[in-house]
Amino acid sequence: MDPREFELLVEKGLQAIPARFRRRMDNVAVVVEQEGPPGLLGLYHGRPLTRRSVSDGFVMPDRIVIYQGPHERTARSREHLERMVAETVWHEVAHYFGMDEARVRRAEAMRRRRAQRP
């Protein structure tokens, strides 16, 4: 897939984040890289929002990196790729808001159960 087309999937994933959370995302860059550490679809680099203080000085932006290659190799279809990218974006944004891995996994399971309800 063309890198720009993949970036549009990431943008779509960001737009799926509820507005009340998107408005609170400050000083964070979301970028796409071709490859990352083995086994990862995305990675949050930074200081979670819950650990910041109004007394903090200027800091470089946090980064959410979404890795294109692993998504493309894992996806079974275009629709599956779109869903995976959106879920990865959500996962990394949750880390930005201070959720640790266990809490993110529980929240993901809850989101999946709600999505399956009639």
N, C-alpha and C. Protein backbone atom coordinates (compact mmCIF):
# COMPACT_ATOMS: atom_id res chain seq x y z
N MET A 1 0.85 -1.18 0.00
CA MET A 1 0.00 0.00 0.00
C MET A 1 0.89 1.24 0.00
N ASP A 2 0.47 2.21 -0.72
CA ASP A 2 1.18 3.48 -0.77
C ASP A 2 1.24 4.09 0.64
N PRO A 3 2.39 4.64 1.05
CA PRO A 3 2.49 5.22 2.40
C PRO A 3 1.44 6.29 2.69
N ARG A 4 1.10 7.12 1.70
CA ARG A 4 0.11 8.17 1.94
C ARG A 4 -1.27 7.56 2.20
N GLU A 5 -1.59 6.49 1.49
CA GLU A 5 -2.86 5.81 1.70
C GLU A 5 -2.93 5.23 3.11
N PHE A 6 -1.81 4.68 3.59
CA PHE A 6 -1.77 4.14 4.94
C PHE A 6 -1.92 5.28 5.96
N GLU A 7 -1.28 6.42 5.70
CA GLU A 7 -1.43 7.57 6.60
C GLU A 7 -2.88 8.00 6.70
N LEU A 8 -3.62 7.90 5.61
CA LEU A 8 -5.04 8.25 5.64
C LEU A 8 -5.82 7.28 6.54
N LEU A 9 -5.41 6.01 6.57
CA LEU A 9 -6.05 5.06 7.49
C LEU A 9 -5.78 5.45 8.94
N VAL A 10 -4.55 5.91 9.20
CA VAL A 10 -4.21 6.35 10.56
C VAL A 10 -5.03 7.59 10.92
N GLU A 11 -5.15 8.52 10.00
CA GLU A 11 -5.97 9.71 10.25
C GLU A 11 -7.42 9.32 10.54
N LYS A 12 -7.93 8.36 9.78
CA LYS A 12 -9.30 7.87 10.00
C LYS A 12 -9.41 7.26 11.40
N GLY A 13 -8.38 6.52 11.80
CA GLY A 13 -8.37 5.94 13.14
C GLY A 13 -8.39 7.02 14.22
N LEU A 14 -7.65 8.09 13.99
CA LEU A 14 -7.65 9.20 14.95
C LEU A 14 -9.02 9.87 15.04
N GLN A 15 -9.67 10.01 13.90
CA GLN A 15 -11.00 10.64 13.89
C GLN A 15 -12.03 9.78 14.61
N ALA A 16 -11.76 8.48 14.72
CA ALA A 16 -12.68 7.58 15.43
C ALA A 16 -12.56 7.72 16.95
N ILE A 17 -11.48 8.34 17.42
CA ILE A 17 -11.33 8.60 18.86
C ILE A 17 -12.37 9.65 19.24
N PRO A 18 -13.14 9.43 20.30
CA PRO A 18 -14.15 10.43 20.67
C PRO A 18 -13.56 11.84 20.81
N ALA A 19 -14.32 12.82 20.35
CA ALA A 19 -13.86 14.21 20.34
C ALA A 19 -13.42 14.69 21.72
N ARG A 20 -14.08 14.23 22.77
CA ARG A 20 -13.71 14.69 24.11
C ARG A 20 -12.27 14.30 24.46
N PHE A 21 -11.78 13.22 23.86
CA PHE A 21 -10.39 12.81 24.08
C PHE A 21 -9.46 13.51 23.09
N ARG A 22 -9.87 13.60 21.83
CA ARG A 22 -9.03 14.27 20.84
C ARG A 22 -8.71 15.70 21.26
N ARG A 23 -9.68 16.38 21.84
CA ARG A 23 -9.46 17.77 22.28
C ARG A 23 -8.39 17.87 23.36
N ARG A 24 -8.19 16.81 24.11
CA ARG A 24 -7.21 16.82 25.20
C ARG A 24 -5.83 16.36 24.75
N MET A 25 -5.72 15.94 23.51
CA MET A 25 -4.42 15.50 23.01
C MET A 25 -3.61 16.73 22.61
N ASP A 26 -2.58 16.98 23.39
CA ASP A 26 -1.76 18.16 23.17
C ASP A 26 -0.29 17.75 23.21
N ASN A 27 0.48 18.33 22.33
CA ASN A 27 1.93 18.09 22.28
C ASN A 27 2.23 16.60 22.04
N VAL A 28 1.49 16.03 21.09
CA VAL A 28 1.72 14.63 20.71
C VAL A 28 1.68 14.55 19.18
N ALA A 29 2.68 13.92 18.61
CA ALA A 29 2.75 13.73 17.16
C ALA A 29 2.42 12.28 16.84
N VAL A 30 1.58 12.08 15.86
CA VAL A 30 1.25 10.73 15.40
C VAL A 30 1.93 10.55 14.05
N VAL A 31 2.82 9.56 13.98
CA VAL A 31 3.61 9.35 12.77
C VAL A 31 3.52 7.89 12.32
N VAL A 32 3.79 7.70 11.04
CA VAL A 32 3.84 6.36 10.47
C VAL A 32 5.28 6.04 10.13
N GLU A 33 5.72 4.86 10.51
CA GLU A 33 7.03 4.35 10.10
C GLU A 33 6.80 2.99 9.47
N GLN A 34 7.70 2.60 8.58
CA GLN A 34 7.53 1.34 7.87
C GLN A 34 7.66 0.13 8.81
N GLU A 35 8.70 0.10 9.62
CA GLU A 35 8.94 -1.04 10.50
C GLU A 35 9.31 -0.56 11.89
N GLY A 36 9.07 -1.42 12.87
CA GLY A 36 9.42 -1.12 14.24
C GLY A 36 10.00 -2.34 14.91
N PRO A 37 10.04 -2.33 16.21
CA PRO A 37 10.53 -3.51 16.93
C PRO A 37 9.66 -4.73 16.60
N PRO A 38 10.26 -5.91 16.52
CA PRO A 38 9.49 -7.12 16.18
C PRO A 38 8.28 -7.30 17.10
N GLY A 39 7.17 -7.66 16.49
CA GLY A 39 5.96 -7.95 17.25
C GLY A 39 5.09 -6.76 17.58
N LEU A 40 5.52 -5.54 17.22
CA LEU A 40 4.73 -4.35 17.56
C LEU A 40 4.04 -3.78 16.34
N LEU A 41 2.79 -3.35 16.54
CA LEU A 41 2.04 -2.64 15.51
C LEU A 41 2.13 -1.14 15.70
N GLY A 42 2.40 -0.72 16.94
CA GLY A 42 2.51 0.69 17.26
C GLY A 42 3.25 0.85 18.57
N LEU A 43 3.64 2.09 18.84
CA LEU A 43 4.39 2.35 20.08
C LEU A 43 4.19 3.80 20.51
N TYR A 44 3.95 3.98 21.80
CA TYR A 44 3.84 5.33 22.38
C TYR A 44 5.16 5.67 23.03
N HIS A 45 5.72 6.82 22.65
CA HIS A 45 6.94 7.33 23.26
C HIS A 45 6.59 8.64 23.97
N GLY A 46 6.76 8.69 25.25
CA GLY A 46 6.50 9.96 25.92
C GLY A 46 6.13 9.81 27.37
N ARG A 47 5.63 10.89 27.89
CA ARG A 47 5.20 10.97 29.28
C ARG A 47 3.68 11.04 29.29
N PRO A 48 3.03 10.01 29.83
CA PRO A 48 1.56 9.99 29.81
C PRO A 48 0.95 11.24 30.45
N LEU A 49 -0.20 11.60 29.95
CA LEU A 49 -0.89 12.79 30.42
C LEU A 49 -1.08 12.78 31.93
N THR A 50 -1.32 11.61 32.50
CA THR A 50 -1.55 11.51 33.95
C THR A 50 -0.31 11.81 34.77
N ARG A 51 0.86 11.85 34.14
CA ARG A 51 2.10 12.13 34.86
C ARG A 51 2.65 13.53 34.57
N ARG A 52 1.87 14.33 33.89
CA ARG A 52 2.31 15.69 33.57
C ARG A 52 1.84 16.66 34.65
N SER A 53 2.49 17.80 34.69
CA SER A 53 2.16 18.82 35.67
C SER A 53 2.12 20.18 34.98
N VAL A 54 1.33 21.07 35.54
CA VAL A 54 1.30 22.43 34.99
C VAL A 54 2.64 23.13 35.18
N SER A 55 3.46 22.63 36.08
CA SER A 55 4.77 23.24 36.30
C SER A 55 5.84 22.68 35.36
N ASP A 56 5.47 21.73 34.51
CA ASP A 56 6.44 21.20 33.55
C ASP A 56 6.84 22.32 32.59
N GLY A 57 8.12 22.35 32.27
CA GLY A 57 8.60 23.31 31.28
C GLY A 57 8.35 22.78 29.88
N PHE A 58 8.95 23.44 28.91
CA PHE A 58 8.80 23.02 27.52
C PHE A 58 9.38 21.63 27.34
N VAL A 59 8.64 20.78 26.69
CA VAL A 59 9.12 19.44 26.38
C VAL A 59 8.84 19.15 24.91
N MET A 60 9.65 18.31 24.35
CA MET A 60 9.41 17.88 22.98
C MET A 60 8.11 17.09 22.93
N PRO A 61 7.45 17.06 21.78
CA PRO A 61 6.18 16.33 21.69
C PRO A 61 6.37 14.83 21.96
N ASP A 62 5.36 14.25 22.57
CA ASP A 62 5.29 12.80 22.66
C ASP A 62 5.06 12.30 21.24
N ARG A 63 5.31 11.00 21.03
CA ARG A 63 5.11 10.42 19.70
C ARG A 63 4.32 9.14 19.81
N ILE A 64 3.36 9.01 18.93
CA ILE A 64 2.67 7.75 18.72
C ILE A 64 3.10 7.30 17.33
N VAL A 65 3.73 6.13 17.27
CA VAL A 65 4.22 5.60 16.00
C VAL A 65 3.36 4.41 15.62
N ILE A 66 2.86 4.43 14.39
CA ILE A 66 2.09 3.32 13.85
C ILE A 66 2.95 2.70 12.75
N TYR A 67 3.19 1.40 12.85
CA TYR A 67 4.09 0.71 11.92
C TYR A 67 3.29 0.09 10.77
N GLN A 68 3.58 0.52 9.56
CA GLN A 68 2.84 0.09 8.38
C GLN A 68 3.09 -1.37 8.01
N GLY A 69 4.33 -1.77 7.95
CA GLY A 69 4.67 -3.12 7.50
C GLY A 69 3.98 -4.23 8.27
N PRO A 70 4.06 -4.24 9.60
CA PRO A 70 3.41 -5.31 10.36
C PRO A 70 1.89 -5.34 10.16
N HIS A 71 1.27 -4.17 10.02
CA HIS A 71 -0.17 -4.13 9.77
C HIS A 71 -0.49 -4.81 8.43
N GLU A 72 0.27 -4.45 7.41
CA GLU A 72 -0.01 -4.99 6.09
C GLU A 72 0.23 -6.51 6.03
N ARG A 73 1.25 -6.98 6.71
CA ARG A 73 1.54 -8.41 6.70
C ARG A 73 0.52 -9.23 7.48
N THR A 74 -0.10 -8.62 8.48
CA THR A 74 -1.03 -9.33 9.35
C THR A 74 -2.47 -9.28 8.83
N ALA A 75 -2.82 -8.22 8.15
CA ALA A 75 -4.21 -8.02 7.71
C ALA A 75 -4.62 -9.06 6.67
N ARG A 76 -5.86 -9.54 6.82
CA ARG A 76 -6.41 -10.53 5.88
C ARG A 76 -7.15 -9.88 4.72
N SER A 77 -7.53 -8.61 4.88
CA SER A 77 -8.27 -7.89 3.85
C SER A 77 -8.12 -6.39 4.10
N ARG A 78 -8.60 -5.60 3.18
CA ARG A 78 -8.56 -4.15 3.35
C ARG A 78 -9.38 -3.74 4.58
N GLU A 79 -10.54 -4.33 4.75
CA GLU A 79 -11.39 -4.01 5.90
C GLU A 79 -10.71 -4.39 7.21
N HIS A 80 -10.06 -5.56 7.21
CA HIS A 80 -9.34 -5.99 8.41
C HIS A 80 -8.19 -5.02 8.70
N LEU A 81 -7.48 -4.57 7.66
CA LEU A 81 -6.39 -3.61 7.83
C LEU A 81 -6.91 -2.31 8.45
N GLU A 82 -8.01 -1.81 7.94
CA GLU A 82 -8.59 -0.58 8.49
C GLU A 82 -8.95 -0.74 9.96
N ARG A 83 -9.54 -1.88 10.30
CA ARG A 83 -9.93 -2.16 11.69
C ARG A 83 -8.69 -2.26 12.58
N MET A 84 -7.66 -2.97 12.09
CA MET A 84 -6.42 -3.12 12.87
C MET A 84 -5.75 -1.77 13.14
N VAL A 85 -5.68 -0.94 12.11
CA VAL A 85 -5.05 0.37 12.27
C VAL A 85 -5.83 1.19 13.29
N ALA A 86 -7.15 1.21 13.17
CA ALA A 86 -7.97 1.97 14.13
C ALA A 86 -7.76 1.46 15.55
N GLU A 87 -7.69 0.14 15.72
CA GLU A 87 -7.48 -0.42 17.05
C GLU A 87 -6.09 -0.08 17.59
N THR A 88 -5.09 -0.09 16.73
CA THR A 88 -3.73 0.26 17.16
C THR A 88 -3.67 1.72 17.57
N VAL A 89 -4.28 2.59 16.79
CA VAL A 89 -4.31 4.02 17.14
C VAL A 89 -4.97 4.18 18.50
N TRP A 90 -6.14 3.55 18.69
CA TRP A 90 -6.84 3.63 19.97
C TRP A 90 -5.94 3.15 21.11
N HIS A 91 -5.26 2.03 20.89
CA HIS A 91 -4.39 1.44 21.91
C HIS A 91 -3.29 2.42 22.33
N GLU A 92 -2.63 3.03 21.36
CA GLU A 92 -1.52 3.94 21.68
C GLU A 92 -2.03 5.24 22.29
N VAL A 93 -3.18 5.72 21.86
CA VAL A 93 -3.77 6.91 22.48
C VAL A 93 -4.12 6.62 23.93
N ALA A 94 -4.58 5.41 24.21
CA ALA A 94 -4.87 5.04 25.60
C ALA A 94 -3.61 5.12 26.46
N HIS A 95 -2.47 4.72 25.91
CA HIS A 95 -1.21 4.87 26.66
C HIS A 95 -0.90 6.35 26.90
N TYR A 96 -1.14 7.19 25.92
CA TYR A 96 -0.94 8.63 26.08
C TYR A 96 -1.75 9.16 27.27
N PHE A 97 -2.96 8.63 27.43
CA PHE A 97 -3.81 9.07 28.54
C PHE A 97 -3.49 8.39 29.86
N GLY A 98 -2.44 7.57 29.88
CA GLY A 98 -1.96 7.03 31.15
C GLY A 98 -2.35 5.61 31.46
N MET A 99 -2.99 4.91 30.54
CA MET A 99 -3.37 3.53 30.80
C MET A 99 -2.17 2.62 30.59
N ASP A 100 -1.92 1.73 31.58
CA ASP A 100 -0.84 0.75 31.39
C ASP A 100 -1.34 -0.38 30.50
N GLU A 101 -0.44 -1.27 30.12
CA GLU A 101 -0.78 -2.32 29.15
C GLU A 101 -1.94 -3.20 29.61
N ALA A 102 -1.95 -3.59 30.87
CA ALA A 102 -3.02 -4.46 31.37
C ALA A 102 -4.37 -3.74 31.30
N ARG A 103 -4.39 -2.48 31.68
CA ARG A 103 -5.64 -1.72 31.65
C ARG A 103 -6.12 -1.50 30.21
N VAL A 104 -5.18 -1.24 29.30
CA VAL A 104 -5.55 -1.08 27.89
C VAL A 104 -6.16 -2.38 27.37
N ARG A 105 -5.55 -3.51 27.68
CA ARG A 105 -6.06 -4.81 27.21
C ARG A 105 -7.48 -5.07 27.75
N ARG A 106 -7.71 -4.74 29.01
CA ARG A 106 -9.06 -4.93 29.58
C ARG A 106 -10.07 -4.02 28.86
N ALA A 107 -9.68 -2.78 28.62
CA ALA A 107 -10.57 -1.84 27.93
C ALA A 107 -10.85 -2.31 26.51
N GLU A 108 -9.83 -2.86 25.84
CA GLU A 108 -10.03 -3.38 24.47
C GLU A 108 -11.02 -4.53 24.48
N ALA A 109 -10.89 -5.42 25.43
CA ALA A 109 -11.81 -6.56 25.53
C ALA A 109 -13.24 -6.06 25.75
N MET A 110 -13.40 -5.06 26.59
CA MET A 110 -14.71 -4.49 26.86
C MET A 110 -15.29 -3.83 25.60
N ARG A 111 -14.45 -3.12 24.85
CA ARG A 111 -14.91 -2.49 23.60
C ARG A 111 -15.37 -3.55 22.60
N ARG A 112 -14.64 -4.65 22.50
CA ARG A 112 -15.02 -5.72 21.58
C ARG A 112 -16.35 -6.34 21.98
N ARG A 113 -16.53 -6.57 23.27
CA ARG A 113 -17.81 -7.15 23.74
C ARG A 113 -18.97 -6.22 23.43
N ARG A 114 -18.79 -4.92 23.66
CA ARG A 114 -19.85 -3.95 23.37
C ARG A 114 -20.16 -3.91 21.89
N ALA A 115 -19.14 -4.00 21.06
CA ALA A 115 -19.34 -3.95 19.60
C ALA A 115 -20.09 -5.17 19.09
N GLN A 116 -20.00 -6.29 19.80
CA GLN A 116 -20.66 -7.52 19.37
C GLN A 116 -22.11 -7.60 19.83
N ARG A 117 -22.51 -6.75 20.75
CA ARG A 117 -23.90 -6.78 21.23
C ARG A 117 -24.84 -6.30 20.14
N PRO A 118 -26.02 -6.91 20.10
CA PRO A 118 -27.02 -6.51 19.08
C PRO A 118 -27.64 -5.16 19.38
